[in-house]
């Protein structure tokens, strides 16, 4: 199979990721932070090492400000619901994922105000529009770094600078960019950074990360065993324990550690260059087919390695089905859990067929994908 669904989950992973997960379970599969024996200590050491390497990747000075979660959705929910209160105002954009929009819509019921700043039909955002949307009670700006539907990169550094000037908290959803694009929480004035482990960081599913700036208090939404201050019946304030009740996904975190090591050894700039080259190659090939609508910027320097298309008025799910069953190509059709993005780009009724390219893809993969699209176009229009 040709796998072009990396925006959902990268596959395959570097071999060291699988090996690390198996080794953790077989060699020190104990409960970290809960016992004093050598296996538990080794498990705890693995998790701390993972915090440290996440810190290296994003320029986070204190690894204890890195919270491990189950996925980016949990990270975003924790950040959004942990800082907003009734009467607060939050600003987002019109190309956010439902992992941002649904928590905010839930909070609207308790009196949180919300403004979604409109992006253009390519998904591009003018930072001035964010500034215009600011109110006296604006508490938080939430923004994706790149659209999961069309890949368009948003100006997080400019908005981060604006947020700092206005003393507004800034939360970045880096689900589509972490591991491929340089993200520096200090330089970009990011107060909260949410991301999954299973996409560009090459970790397994069931891993996520939330960075919380030191000194920022975020409400936790679960309580339980932390291995710390067990004599107390209230949740400890210690970070990260406050947010990590229960047994962590140690095998997953061990795999995530090796995934990030792979990124640092390979070089994030080399990963990005490879994906940019393949993305532009694919876009240029699609441009030769007038029956195909390509969404987004059409410029790999301005978008992540995500390309959404439609073939005429054909149902996107039907095209995705054909690519899978006839051509053995994995893509994702539909609305991609981001209906506002599809309304922004004009594809809400039809959805799109999303091709998302990863580091382990090749030009040969994309040639086969282009051949498959040409074949479908030929059958629809010329036979």
Protein backbone atom coordinates (compact mmCIF):
# COMPACT_ATOMS: atom_id res chain seq x y z
CA UNK A 1 0.00 0.00 0.00
CA UNK A 2 1.04 3.60 -0.65
CA UNK A 3 0.33 5.46 2.57
CA UNK A 4 -0.59 9.12 2.11
CA UNK A 5 -2.51 9.73 5.33
CA UNK A 6 0.34 11.05 7.49
CA UNK A 7 -1.68 14.05 8.69
CA UNK A 8 -3.81 11.57 10.64
CA UNK A 9 -0.94 9.39 11.87
CA UNK A 10 2.55 8.99 10.46
CA UNK A 11 3.22 5.50 9.16
CA UNK A 12 5.56 3.74 9.18
CA UNK A 13 7.53 4.84 12.20
CA UNK A 14 11.33 4.64 12.49
CA UNK A 15 12.19 1.10 13.51
CA UNK A 16 13.75 2.32 16.77
CA UNK A 17 10.29 3.46 17.92
CA UNK A 18 8.86 -0.06 17.77
CA UNK A 19 11.98 -1.51 19.40
CA UNK A 20 11.86 0.99 22.27
CA UNK A 21 8.24 0.26 23.07
CA UNK A 22 8.81 -3.50 23.14
CA UNK A 23 11.98 -3.12 25.16
CA UNK A 24 10.22 -0.99 27.77
CA UNK A 25 7.45 -3.52 28.24
CA UNK A 26 9.85 -6.47 28.39
CA UNK A 27 12.74 -4.94 30.34
CA UNK A 28 11.28 -2.39 32.76
CA UNK A 29 7.51 -2.55 32.39
CA UNK A 30 6.80 -1.36 35.91
CA UNK A 31 4.77 1.60 37.15
CA UNK A 32 6.90 4.78 37.12
CA UNK A 33 6.91 7.06 40.14
CA UNK A 34 4.92 4.64 42.27
CA UNK A 35 7.59 2.37 43.75
CA UNK A 36 11.22 2.51 44.84
CA UNK A 37 12.45 -0.64 43.12
CA UNK A 38 14.85 -0.52 40.20
CA UNK A 39 12.28 -1.28 37.47
CA UNK A 40 10.00 1.56 38.57
CA UNK A 41 12.97 3.91 38.79
CA UNK A 42 14.08 2.97 35.27
CA UNK A 43 10.54 3.59 33.97
CA UNK A 44 10.52 6.99 35.66
CA UNK A 45 13.92 7.78 34.19
CA UNK A 46 12.57 7.00 30.71
CA UNK A 47 9.67 9.43 31.15
CA UNK A 48 11.94 12.18 32.45
CA UNK A 49 14.30 11.66 29.50
CA UNK A 50 11.33 12.08 27.20
CA UNK A 51 10.44 15.39 28.88
CA UNK A 52 14.01 16.57 28.40
CA UNK A 53 14.12 15.74 24.71
CA UNK A 54 10.74 17.41 24.11
CA UNK A 55 12.26 20.46 25.80
CA UNK A 56 15.24 20.36 23.43
CA UNK A 57 12.97 20.26 20.40
CA UNK A 58 10.84 23.26 21.41
CA UNK A 59 13.32 25.29 23.52
CA UNK A 60 11.51 24.60 26.78
CA UNK A 61 13.92 25.29 29.64
CA UNK A 62 12.08 23.44 32.40
CA UNK A 63 11.11 19.88 31.40
CA UNK A 64 8.66 19.70 34.31
CA UNK A 65 6.40 22.13 32.39
CA UNK A 66 5.84 19.39 29.80
CA UNK A 67 2.65 17.42 30.41
CA UNK A 68 2.08 14.03 28.79
CA UNK A 69 -1.49 13.43 27.64
CA UNK A 70 -3.28 10.86 25.49
CA UNK A 71 -3.41 13.02 22.35
CA UNK A 72 -3.55 16.60 21.08
CA UNK A 73 -7.29 16.71 21.71
CA UNK A 74 -6.78 16.12 25.43
CA UNK A 75 -3.99 18.71 25.45
CA UNK A 76 -6.19 21.32 23.79
CA UNK A 77 -9.13 20.62 26.09
CA UNK A 78 -6.90 20.92 29.14
CA UNK A 79 -5.44 24.22 27.93
CA UNK A 80 -8.69 25.82 26.76
CA UNK A 81 -10.89 24.75 29.66
CA UNK A 82 -8.06 25.26 32.11
CA UNK A 83 -7.68 29.02 31.51
CA UNK A 84 -11.07 30.34 30.34
CA UNK A 85 -13.82 31.47 32.69
CA UNK A 86 -17.26 32.97 32.29
CA UNK A 87 -16.93 36.49 30.94
CA UNK A 88 -13.64 35.81 29.15
CA UNK A 89 -13.23 36.28 25.40
CA UNK A 90 -11.27 33.86 23.18
CA UNK A 91 -10.11 34.43 19.60
CA UNK A 92 -9.62 31.63 17.07
CA UNK A 93 -9.48 31.41 13.27
CA UNK A 94 -11.88 30.02 10.70
CA UNK A 95 -9.62 27.04 9.91
CA UNK A 96 -9.46 25.43 13.36
CA UNK A 97 -9.95 21.74 14.05
CA UNK A 98 -12.94 20.57 16.11
CA UNK A 99 -10.50 19.83 18.93
CA UNK A 100 -10.39 23.60 19.34
CA UNK A 101 -13.89 24.56 18.25
CA UNK A 102 -15.89 22.04 20.27
CA UNK A 103 -14.36 22.84 23.67
CA UNK A 104 -14.90 26.54 22.99
CA UNK A 105 -18.50 25.97 21.90
CA UNK A 106 -19.05 24.05 25.12
CA UNK A 107 -17.66 26.97 27.12
CA UNK A 108 -19.96 29.42 25.36
CA UNK A 109 -22.78 27.83 27.37
CA UNK A 110 -21.19 29.14 30.59
CA UNK A 111 -20.59 32.64 29.28
CA UNK A 112 -17.29 32.52 27.40
CA UNK A 113 -17.30 34.82 24.35
CA UNK A 114 -15.77 33.65 21.09
CA UNK A 115 -14.60 35.31 17.86
CA UNK A 116 -13.44 33.23 14.90
CA UNK A 117 -11.33 35.48 12.64
CA UNK A 118 -11.95 34.78 8.96
CA UNK A 119 -9.11 33.43 6.82
CA UNK A 120 -9.23 33.79 3.04
CA UNK A 121 -10.17 30.95 0.69
CA UNK A 122 -6.56 29.72 0.70
CA UNK A 123 -6.60 29.56 4.49
CA UNK A 124 -4.29 32.55 4.85
CA UNK A 125 -4.61 34.85 7.85
CA UNK A 126 -3.87 38.55 8.20
CA UNK A 127 -2.49 39.13 11.74
CA UNK A 128 -4.10 42.58 11.71
CA UNK A 129 -7.49 40.85 11.77
CA UNK A 130 -6.52 39.19 15.04
CA UNK A 131 -5.61 42.56 16.53
CA UNK A 132 -8.92 44.04 15.37
CA UNK A 133 -10.81 41.23 17.12
CA UNK A 134 -9.22 41.90 20.53
CA UNK A 135 -11.57 43.12 23.25
CA UNK A 136 -10.91 44.34 26.79
CA UNK A 137 -11.87 40.89 28.11
CA UNK A 138 -9.82 38.84 25.60
CA UNK A 139 -8.04 36.18 27.65
CA UNK A 140 -6.77 33.73 25.05
CA UNK A 141 -5.83 33.43 21.38
CA UNK A 142 -5.92 29.87 20.02
CA UNK A 143 -4.44 29.18 16.61
CA UNK A 144 -3.39 26.19 14.56
CA UNK A 145 0.11 26.38 13.13
CA UNK A 146 -1.02 24.68 9.91
CA UNK A 147 -4.41 23.61 8.65
CA UNK A 148 -5.02 19.87 8.80
CA UNK A 149 -7.18 20.17 5.64
CA UNK A 150 -5.09 22.31 3.27
CA UNK A 151 -1.81 22.69 5.12
CA UNK A 152 -1.73 26.50 5.04
CA UNK A 153 0.79 27.84 7.55
CA UNK A 154 -0.41 30.58 9.87
CA UNK A 155 1.83 33.41 11.18
CA UNK A 156 2.21 32.20 14.75
CA UNK A 157 5.33 34.23 15.45
CA UNK A 158 3.63 37.51 14.51
CA UNK A 159 0.51 36.64 16.49
CA UNK A 160 2.61 35.50 19.43
CA UNK A 161 4.33 38.88 19.47
CA UNK A 162 0.95 40.62 19.36
CA UNK A 163 -0.42 38.47 22.18
CA UNK A 164 2.55 39.30 24.39
CA UNK A 165 2.18 43.03 23.71
CA UNK A 166 -1.50 42.86 24.65
CA UNK A 167 -0.88 40.54 27.63
CA UNK A 168 -3.12 37.83 26.16
CA UNK A 169 -2.39 34.13 26.53
CA UNK A 170 -1.35 32.37 23.32
CA UNK A 171 -2.12 28.70 22.64
CA UNK A 172 -0.73 27.02 19.52
CA UNK A 173 -2.07 23.78 18.04
CA UNK A 174 1.02 22.22 16.43
CA UNK A 175 -0.60 18.95 15.38
CA UNK A 176 0.49 19.31 11.75
CA UNK A 177 3.88 20.96 12.22
CA UNK A 178 5.67 19.57 15.29
CA UNK A 179 8.72 17.64 14.12
CA UNK A 180 8.80 19.26 10.68
CA UNK A 181 8.89 23.00 11.39
CA UNK A 182 10.99 24.93 13.89
CA UNK A 183 8.90 25.85 16.93
CA UNK A 184 10.55 27.88 19.70
CA UNK A 185 8.18 28.66 22.56
CA UNK A 186 10.39 31.50 23.81
CA UNK A 187 11.04 33.20 20.49
CA UNK A 188 7.40 32.79 19.41
CA UNK A 189 5.93 33.86 22.78
CA UNK A 190 3.91 30.67 23.10
CA UNK A 191 2.29 30.24 26.52
CA UNK A 192 0.65 26.90 25.76
CA UNK A 193 1.68 24.41 23.08
CA UNK A 194 -0.50 21.38 22.27
CA UNK A 195 0.49 18.54 20.00
CA UNK A 196 0.15 14.80 19.40
CA UNK A 197 3.00 12.34 19.66
CA UNK A 198 1.79 10.10 16.85
CA UNK A 199 2.14 12.46 13.88
CA UNK A 200 5.33 14.37 13.03
CA UNK A 201 7.09 13.23 16.21
CA UNK A 202 6.84 9.58 15.04
CA UNK A 203 5.60 8.30 18.38
CA UNK A 204 2.73 5.84 18.79
CA UNK A 205 -0.94 6.63 19.11
CA UNK A 206 -2.04 7.35 22.65
CA UNK A 207 0.66 9.99 23.23
CA UNK A 208 0.23 13.75 23.39
CA UNK A 209 1.97 16.78 24.88
CA UNK A 210 0.93 20.04 26.48
CA UNK A 211 3.55 22.64 27.35
CA UNK A 212 2.47 25.13 30.00
CA UNK A 213 4.61 28.22 30.45
CA UNK A 214 6.25 28.41 33.84
CA UNK A 215 4.23 30.57 36.22
CA UNK A 216 0.96 30.05 34.36
CA UNK A 217 -1.80 28.34 36.35
CA UNK A 218 -4.06 26.03 34.37
CA UNK A 219 -6.96 24.20 36.01
CA UNK A 220 -6.66 20.43 35.95
CA UNK A 221 -9.73 18.36 35.09
CA UNK A 222 -8.95 15.03 36.69
CA UNK A 223 -7.72 13.94 40.09
CA UNK A 224 -6.18 10.73 41.34
CA UNK A 225 -2.94 8.98 42.14
CA UNK A 226 0.22 10.84 41.20
CA UNK A 227 2.86 9.13 43.31
CA UNK A 228 3.42 12.44 45.12
CA UNK A 229 1.91 13.84 48.36
CA UNK A 230 -0.12 10.67 48.76
CA UNK A 231 -0.92 11.63 52.35
CA UNK A 232 -3.16 14.43 51.07
CA UNK A 233 -6.70 13.96 49.78
CA UNK A 234 -6.51 16.92 47.43
CA UNK A 235 -4.71 17.05 44.10
CA UNK A 236 -1.09 18.24 44.48
CA UNK A 237 -0.05 21.51 42.84
CA UNK A 238 3.27 20.04 41.75
CA UNK A 239 3.86 20.23 37.98
CA UNK A 240 3.59 17.95 36.04
CA UNK A 241 1.94 15.71 38.68
CA UNK A 242 -1.08 18.01 38.92
CA UNK A 243 -2.09 17.10 35.38
CA UNK A 244 -0.93 13.47 35.10
CA UNK A 245 -3.08 11.44 37.48
CA UNK A 246 -3.03 7.72 36.89
CA UNK A 247 -0.53 5.37 35.32
CA UNK A 248 1.14 6.96 32.29
CA UNK A 249 1.54 5.38 28.88
CA UNK A 250 5.15 4.44 29.52
CA UNK A 251 5.60 2.21 26.43
CA UNK A 252 4.16 4.99 24.27
CA UNK A 253 6.38 7.63 25.86
CA UNK A 254 9.41 5.38 25.36
CA UNK A 255 8.53 5.18 21.67
CA UNK A 256 7.95 8.94 21.50
CA UNK A 257 11.40 9.52 23.00
CA UNK A 258 12.99 7.53 20.17
CA UNK A 259 10.84 9.27 17.58
CA UNK A 260 12.15 12.67 18.68
CA UNK A 261 15.70 11.34 18.78
CA UNK A 262 15.22 10.30 15.16
CA UNK A 263 14.14 13.86 14.28
CA UNK A 264 17.14 15.43 15.99
CA UNK A 265 19.56 12.97 14.40
CA UNK A 266 18.03 13.32 10.92
CA UNK A 267 17.70 17.08 11.19
CA UNK A 268 14.38 18.86 11.20
CA UNK A 269 15.48 20.95 8.21
CA UNK A 270 16.19 17.77 6.21
CA UNK A 271 12.76 16.36 7.05
CA UNK A 272 11.09 19.62 6.07
CA UNK A 273 13.08 19.92 2.82
CA UNK A 274 12.14 16.39 1.75
CA UNK A 275 8.44 16.91 2.49
CA UNK A 276 8.43 20.32 0.76
CA UNK A 277 10.00 18.87 -2.38
CA UNK A 278 7.49 16.04 -2.56
CA UNK A 279 4.56 18.34 -1.83
CA UNK A 280 5.49 20.77 -4.60
CA UNK A 281 6.13 17.87 -6.98
CA UNK A 282 2.66 16.51 -6.27
CA UNK A 283 0.97 19.91 -6.60
CA UNK A 284 2.72 20.56 -9.92
CA UNK A 285 1.56 17.20 -11.23
CA UNK A 286 -2.03 17.91 -10.20
CA UNK A 287 -1.97 21.28 -11.96
CA UNK A 288 -1.70 19.40 -15.27
CA UNK A 289 -5.22 18.00 -14.72
CA UNK A 290 -7.85 20.72 -15.36
CA UNK A 291 -10.60 18.48 -13.96
CA UNK A 292 -8.93 18.54 -10.53
CA UNK A 293 -9.52 21.35 -8.03
CA UNK A 294 -6.55 21.94 -5.74
CA UNK A 295 -7.21 23.81 -2.49
CA UNK A 296 -4.79 25.91 -0.47
CA UNK A 297 -1.80 28.01 -1.48
CA UNK A 298 -0.34 25.68 -4.16
CA UNK A 299 3.05 26.60 -2.68
CA UNK A 300 4.95 24.09 -0.53
CA UNK A 301 6.82 26.92 1.17
CA UNK A 302 3.52 28.29 2.47
CA UNK A 303 1.85 25.05 3.48
CA UNK A 304 2.62 21.87 5.31
CA UNK A 305 2.73 18.58 3.37
CA UNK A 306 -1.05 18.36 3.08
CA UNK A 307 -2.80 18.61 -0.29
CA UNK A 308 -6.60 18.55 -0.63
CA UNK A 309 -8.32 18.07 -3.97
CA UNK A 310 -11.63 17.28 -5.63
CA UNK A 311 -12.34 15.78 -9.01
CA UNK A 312 -15.18 17.77 -10.52
CA UNK A 313 -18.35 17.29 -8.50
CA UNK A 314 -17.52 13.73 -7.51
CA UNK A 315 -18.13 12.74 -3.91
CA UNK A 316 -14.84 12.88 -2.01
CA UNK A 317 -15.61 9.70 -0.07
CA UNK A 318 -16.22 7.80 -3.30
CA UNK A 319 -12.86 8.95 -4.69
CA UNK A 320 -11.16 7.94 -1.45
CA UNK A 321 -12.82 4.52 -1.65
CA UNK A 322 -11.62 4.00 -5.22
CA UNK A 323 -8.07 5.01 -4.37
CA UNK A 324 -8.04 2.47 -1.56
CA UNK A 325 -9.80 -0.48 -3.20
CA UNK A 326 -8.57 -0.15 -6.78
CA UNK A 327 -5.16 1.51 -6.44
CA UNK A 328 -4.13 0.53 -2.89
CA UNK A 329 -3.52 4.16 -1.90
CA UNK A 330 -4.49 5.36 1.59
CA UNK A 331 -5.89 8.90 1.81
CA UNK A 332 -8.53 10.62 3.91
CA UNK A 333 -11.70 12.04 2.33
CA UNK A 334 -14.50 14.04 3.93
CA UNK A 335 -14.51 17.00 6.32
CA UNK A 336 -11.46 16.00 8.40
CA UNK A 337 -13.05 17.06 11.70
CA UNK A 338 -12.73 20.66 10.54
CA UNK A 339 -16.04 21.84 9.06
CA UNK A 340 -15.18 25.53 9.44
CA UNK A 341 -12.14 25.06 7.22
CA UNK A 342 -14.29 23.51 4.51
CA UNK A 343 -16.72 26.40 4.77
CA UNK A 344 -13.76 28.78 4.44
CA UNK A 345 -12.43 27.12 1.28
CA UNK A 346 -15.88 26.38 -0.22
CA UNK A 347 -15.89 22.58 0.03
CA UNK A 348 -18.30 22.02 2.91
CA UNK A 349 -20.90 20.09 0.92
CA UNK A 350 -18.41 17.94 -0.97
CA UNK A 351 -15.54 17.57 1.44
CA UNK A 352 -12.12 16.98 -0.07
CA UNK A 353 -9.73 14.13 -0.76
CA UNK A 354 -6.70 14.76 1.42
CA UNK A 355 -3.24 13.49 0.52
CA UNK A 356 -0.73 13.99 3.36
CA UNK A 357 2.90 13.29 2.63
CA UNK A 358 5.46 12.05 5.14
CA UNK A 359 9.20 11.69 5.43
CA UNK A 360 9.13 8.06 4.32
CA UNK A 361 7.23 8.77 1.11
CA UNK A 362 9.03 8.94 -2.24
CA UNK A 363 8.48 10.49 -5.65
CA UNK A 364 7.58 7.02 -6.87
CA UNK A 365 4.67 7.00 -4.39
CA UNK A 366 3.42 10.31 -5.74
CA UNK A 367 3.85 9.22 -9.37
CA UNK A 368 1.55 6.29 -8.62
CA UNK A 369 -0.93 8.59 -6.89
CA UNK A 370 -0.91 10.95 -9.88
CA UNK A 371 -1.38 8.00 -12.26
CA UNK A 372 -4.34 6.85 -10.18
CA UNK A 373 -5.94 10.30 -10.29
CA UNK A 374 -5.41 10.48 -14.06
CA UNK A 375 -7.06 7.09 -14.42
CA UNK A 376 -10.08 8.18 -12.36
CA UNK A 377 -10.37 11.40 -14.37
CA UNK A 378 -10.20 9.39 -17.60
CA UNK A 379 -12.99 7.05 -16.47
CA UNK A 380 -15.23 9.88 -15.31
CA UNK A 381 -14.82 12.29 -18.20
CA UNK A 382 -13.60 10.42 -21.25
CA UNK A 383 -15.09 6.91 -21.23
